[in-house]
């Protein structure tokens, strides 16, 4: 029997649902952004979503990624929302003495599907 790789996740936003779906895969991988993934995203693979994430993190435009993948820009923008907020959180909290998130940031993080890791 072959697996189709389908997942289902329910959330209030597409970003939240996407992040829940990825977590439900229970993958033990770290997204490597050492090389530029823009040439790799044209071919559909099981790593394509992570390559799109990496391309956005490296600064590639939504329109360029949409053109190379034939994925509607709406969905690429949703992934970009996750990338942008992750960068915001890293810039604001990663190297600061304060670890306490503001209520506004916590609310937005929850709506985008971020969760607190079990080891924190």
Foldseek 3Di string as FASTA:
>chain_A
DDDPLDFFADAPDPLQGVLVRVVVVVDPDDQDLPDQLLVVLLDDDPCNVSNLLSNVLVPDDLVSSCVSHVDPSVVSVLSNVVSVLVVVCCVPAVPDPDNDDDPVNVVVCVNSNDDDDPVD
